[in-house]
Each structure stands twice: as C-alpha cells, then as structure tokens.
Amino acid sequence: MAGVDYATSWQVGQYPAAIVNNFDNQFVSALLGQQPLKQAMLRAENEANQQIRAME
C-alpha cells in the first residue's frame, strides 16, 4: 500500500479524534480543489493543535 510509507505514529496518540478529523476534513477540501494540498495540511495541523491545546 503506497500510504504506508507516510503513516505517522502520532495518529494513535492521546487526541486521535482531533487530529484525524482535521486532517480528513482538510484533505477532502484539497481533493475538491477548494485549496492547495500544502495549505490544507498546514491548516489541518494548526486547527488540530488548537483543539488539543484547548483540551489540555
């Protein structure tokens, strides 16, 4: 599977929902052409980090 090389261990960390949901939402947005992929991944990271900080 091509994606295996890109898997990251933090996805199973203490806040998997915040991380996975943000990356899923932003990735779909990039697939739909609403934003470039790089921008989508940066936005997902920033939003996930904000949610995690709010939960701590």
C-alpha atoms as a PDB file:
ATOM      1  CA  MET A   1       0.000   0.000   0.000  1.00  0.00           C
ATOM      2  CA  ALA A   2       1.523   3.339  -1.046  1.00  0.00           C
ATOM      3  CA  GLY A   3       0.311   5.252   2.010  1.00  0.00           C
ATOM      4  CA  VAL A   4       2.148   3.035   4.480  1.00  0.00           C
ATOM      5  CA  ASP A   5       5.390   4.947   3.964  1.00  0.00           C
ATOM      6  CA  TYR A   6       3.606   8.105   5.082  1.00  0.00           C
ATOM      7  CA  ALA A   7       1.863   6.744   8.184  1.00  0.00           C
ATOM      8  CA  THR A   8       2.692   8.558  11.385  1.00  0.00           C
ATOM      9  CA  SER A   9       2.644   7.194  14.901  1.00  0.00           C
ATOM     10  CA  TRP A  10       1.019  10.271  16.484  1.00  0.00           C
ATOM     11  CA  GLN A  11      -2.312   9.382  14.931  1.00  0.00           C
ATOM     12  CA  VAL A  12      -2.888   6.928  17.758  1.00  0.00           C
ATOM     13  CA  GLY A  13      -1.818   9.368  20.474  1.00  0.00           C
ATOM     14  CA  GLN A  14      -3.837  10.932  23.248  1.00  0.00           C
ATOM     15  CA  TYR A  15      -6.034  13.033  20.915  1.00  0.00           C
ATOM     16  CA  PRO A  16      -6.637  10.928  17.794  1.00  0.00           C
ATOM     17  CA  ALA A  17     -10.084  12.380  17.023  1.00  0.00           C
ATOM     18  CA  ALA A  18      -8.876  15.985  16.874  1.00  0.00           C
ATOM     19  CA  ILE A  19      -6.002  15.042  14.599  1.00  0.00           C
ATOM     20  CA  VAL A  20      -7.797  12.621  12.297  1.00  0.00           C
ATOM     21  CA  ASN A  21     -10.938  14.747  11.906  1.00  0.00           C
ATOM     22  CA  ASN A  22      -8.996  17.879  10.974  1.00  0.00           C
ATOM     23  CA  PHE A  23      -6.767  16.083   8.501  1.00  0.00           C
ATOM     24  CA  ASP A  24      -9.731  14.260   6.955  1.00  0.00           C
ATOM     25  CA  ASN A  25     -11.721  17.482   6.532  1.00  0.00           C
ATOM     26  CA  GLN A  26      -8.859  19.474   5.063  1.00  0.00           C
ATOM     27  CA  PHE A  27      -7.760  16.638   2.773  1.00  0.00           C
ATOM     28  CA  VAL A  28     -11.252  16.366   1.312  1.00  0.00           C
ATOM     29  CA  SER A  29     -11.238  20.120   0.778  1.00  0.00           C
ATOM     30  CA  ALA A  30      -7.982  19.808  -1.170  1.00  0.00           C
ATOM     31  CA  LEU A  31      -9.356  16.912  -3.221  1.00  0.00           C
ATOM     32  CA  LEU A  32     -12.345  19.056  -4.155  1.00  0.00           C
ATOM     33  CA  GLY A  33      -9.982  21.774  -5.356  1.00  0.00           C
ATOM     34  CA  GLN A  34     -11.011  24.254  -2.677  1.00  0.00           C
ATOM     35  CA  GLN A  35      -7.411  24.779  -1.563  1.00  0.00           C
ATOM     36  CA  PRO A  36      -3.909  23.514  -2.405  1.00  0.00           C
ATOM     37  CA  LEU A  37      -2.841  20.345  -0.576  1.00  0.00           C
ATOM     38  CA  LYS A  38       0.062  22.040   1.230  1.00  0.00           C
ATOM     39  CA  GLN A  39      -2.261  24.735   2.565  1.00  0.00           C
ATOM     40  CA  ALA A  40      -4.818  22.109   3.594  1.00  0.00           C
ATOM     41  CA  MET A  41      -2.266  20.111   5.578  1.00  0.00           C
ATOM     42  CA  LEU A  42      -0.929  23.222   7.318  1.00  0.00           C
ATOM     43  CA  ARG A  43      -4.468  24.300   8.171  1.00  0.00           C
ATOM     44  CA  ALA A  44      -5.278  20.818   9.497  1.00  0.00           C
ATOM     45  CA  GLU A  45      -2.162  20.835  11.670  1.00  0.00           C
ATOM     46  CA  ASN A  46      -2.900  24.280  13.078  1.00  0.00           C
ATOM     47  CA  GLU A  47      -6.545  23.506  13.813  1.00  0.00           C
ATOM     48  CA  ALA A  48      -5.711  20.153  15.419  1.00  0.00           C
ATOM     49  CA  ASN A  49      -3.088  21.823  17.605  1.00  0.00           C
ATOM     50  CA  GLN A  50      -5.594  24.472  18.700  1.00  0.00           C
ATOM     51  CA  GLN A  51      -8.122  21.796  19.658  1.00  0.00           C
ATOM     52  CA  ILE A  52      -5.503  19.806  21.555  1.00  0.00           C
ATOM     53  CA  ARG A  53      -4.363  22.892  23.497  1.00  0.00           C
ATOM     54  CA  ALA A  54      -7.984  23.614  24.404  1.00  0.00           C
ATOM     55  CA  MET A  55      -8.416  20.072  25.785  1.00  0.00           C
ATOM     56  CA  GLU A  56      -5.263  20.147  27.919  1.00  0.00           C
END
